[in-house]
Amino acid sequence: LNLILDKRYLLDKIRTAKKQNVDNELINYSFFENDNEINLFFNTINHKLVGWQTTDIYQNINITFISSIIENIVIEKNLFKLPIQK
């Protein structure tokens, strides 16, 4: 999640990633990071991120779809930090 929400990281990956159109509704960029495949999906109308799919080294697929987008809000830096497991 940290990688997908990092704007600079995404822009660097998108510049070199393979681009595909999906049913003329989505733009898909695919790339690999640490043996994980990451597919990003953007809306073709306004080019906003609408979701992503990851596949890990064990072929587990995780799909996230963004259904409600709120732009340009300030969030706390530690909002997405998970507690340490003991």
Protein backbone atom coordinates (compact mmCIF):
# COMPACT_ATOMS: atom_id res chain seq x y z
CA LEU A 1 0.00 0.00 0.00
CA ASN A 2 2.86 2.36 0.75
CA LEU A 3 4.13 1.97 -2.80
CA ILE A 4 0.75 2.43 -4.46
CA LEU A 5 0.06 5.63 -2.52
CA ASP A 6 3.52 7.08 -3.21
CA LYS A 7 3.01 9.51 -6.09
CA ARG A 8 6.69 9.79 -7.07
CA TYR A 9 7.12 6.02 -7.04
CA LEU A 10 4.04 5.54 -9.22
CA LEU A 11 5.10 8.14 -11.75
CA ASP A 12 8.53 6.53 -12.09
CA LYS A 13 7.00 3.07 -12.59
CA ILE A 14 4.32 4.26 -15.03
CA ARG A 15 6.92 5.90 -17.26
CA THR A 16 8.49 2.50 -17.93
CA ALA A 17 5.49 0.19 -17.48
CA LYS A 18 3.52 -1.59 -20.17
CA LYS A 19 0.27 0.26 -20.98
CA GLN A 20 -2.95 -1.48 -22.05
CA ASN A 21 -6.50 -0.32 -22.64
CA VAL A 22 -9.20 -2.45 -21.01
CA ASP A 23 -12.61 -2.34 -22.76
CA ASN A 24 -11.99 1.34 -23.68
CA GLU A 25 -12.92 2.22 -20.08
CA LEU A 26 -9.69 1.66 -18.19
CA ILE A 27 -5.99 2.19 -18.72
CA ASN A 28 -3.82 -0.50 -17.15
CA TYR A 29 -0.13 -0.27 -16.26
CA SER A 30 1.67 -3.46 -15.18
CA PHE A 31 5.04 -3.80 -13.47
CA PHE A 32 6.91 -5.98 -10.98
CA GLU A 33 8.30 -4.98 -7.58
CA ASN A 34 10.01 -7.41 -5.19
CA ASP A 35 8.59 -10.49 -7.00
CA ASN A 36 5.07 -9.02 -6.87
CA GLU A 37 3.11 -8.09 -9.97
CA ILE A 38 1.27 -4.78 -9.64
CA ASN A 39 -1.47 -3.69 -12.05
CA LEU A 40 -2.77 -0.14 -11.77
CA PHE A 41 -6.09 0.87 -13.30
CA PHE A 42 -6.97 4.43 -14.32
CA ASN A 43 -10.20 5.87 -15.72
CA THR A 44 -9.88 6.75 -19.44
CA ILE A 45 -11.98 9.91 -19.06
CA ASN A 46 -10.10 11.77 -16.33
CA HIS A 47 -7.09 9.44 -15.78
CA LYS A 48 -7.79 9.02 -12.06
CA LEU A 49 -6.63 5.94 -10.19
CA VAL A 50 -9.65 3.63 -9.77
CA GLY A 51 -7.96 0.52 -8.40
CA TRP A 52 -5.12 -1.96 -8.44
CA GLN A 53 -4.42 -5.66 -8.47
CA THR A 54 -1.40 -7.37 -6.96
CA THR A 55 -0.15 -10.91 -7.43
CA ASP A 56 2.48 -12.22 -5.01
CA ILE A 57 5.11 -14.91 -5.52
CA TYR A 58 2.58 -17.57 -4.41
CA GLN A 59 0.08 -16.43 -7.07
CA ASN A 60 -2.28 -14.91 -4.47
CA ILE A 61 -4.34 -12.17 -6.12
CA ASN A 62 -5.49 -9.09 -4.24
CA ILE A 63 -7.87 -6.64 -5.94
CA THR A 64 -8.71 -3.17 -4.64
CA PHE A 65 -11.36 -0.99 -6.26
CA ILE A 66 -11.80 2.67 -5.33
CA SER A 67 -15.49 3.56 -5.44
CA SER A 68 -15.50 6.96 -3.76
CA ILE A 69 -12.69 9.37 -4.56
CA ILE A 70 -12.05 12.48 -2.48
CA GLU A 71 -9.23 14.65 -3.78
CA ASN A 72 -6.70 16.96 -2.23
CA ILE A 73 -7.34 16.34 1.44
CA VAL A 74 -4.58 16.35 4.02
CA ILE A 75 -4.19 13.07 5.90
CA GLU A 76 -1.98 12.20 8.80
CA LYS A 77 1.28 10.51 7.84
CA ASN A 78 0.69 7.51 10.11
CA LEU A 79 -2.91 6.83 8.99
CA PHE A 80 -1.95 3.59 7.22
CA LYS A 81 0.59 2.24 9.71
CA LEU A 82 -0.31 -1.15 11.12
CA PRO A 83 0.43 -2.07 14.73
CA ILE A 84 3.46 -4.25 15.40
CA GLN A 85 2.54 -7.93 15.71
CA LYS A 86 3.90 -9.75 18.79
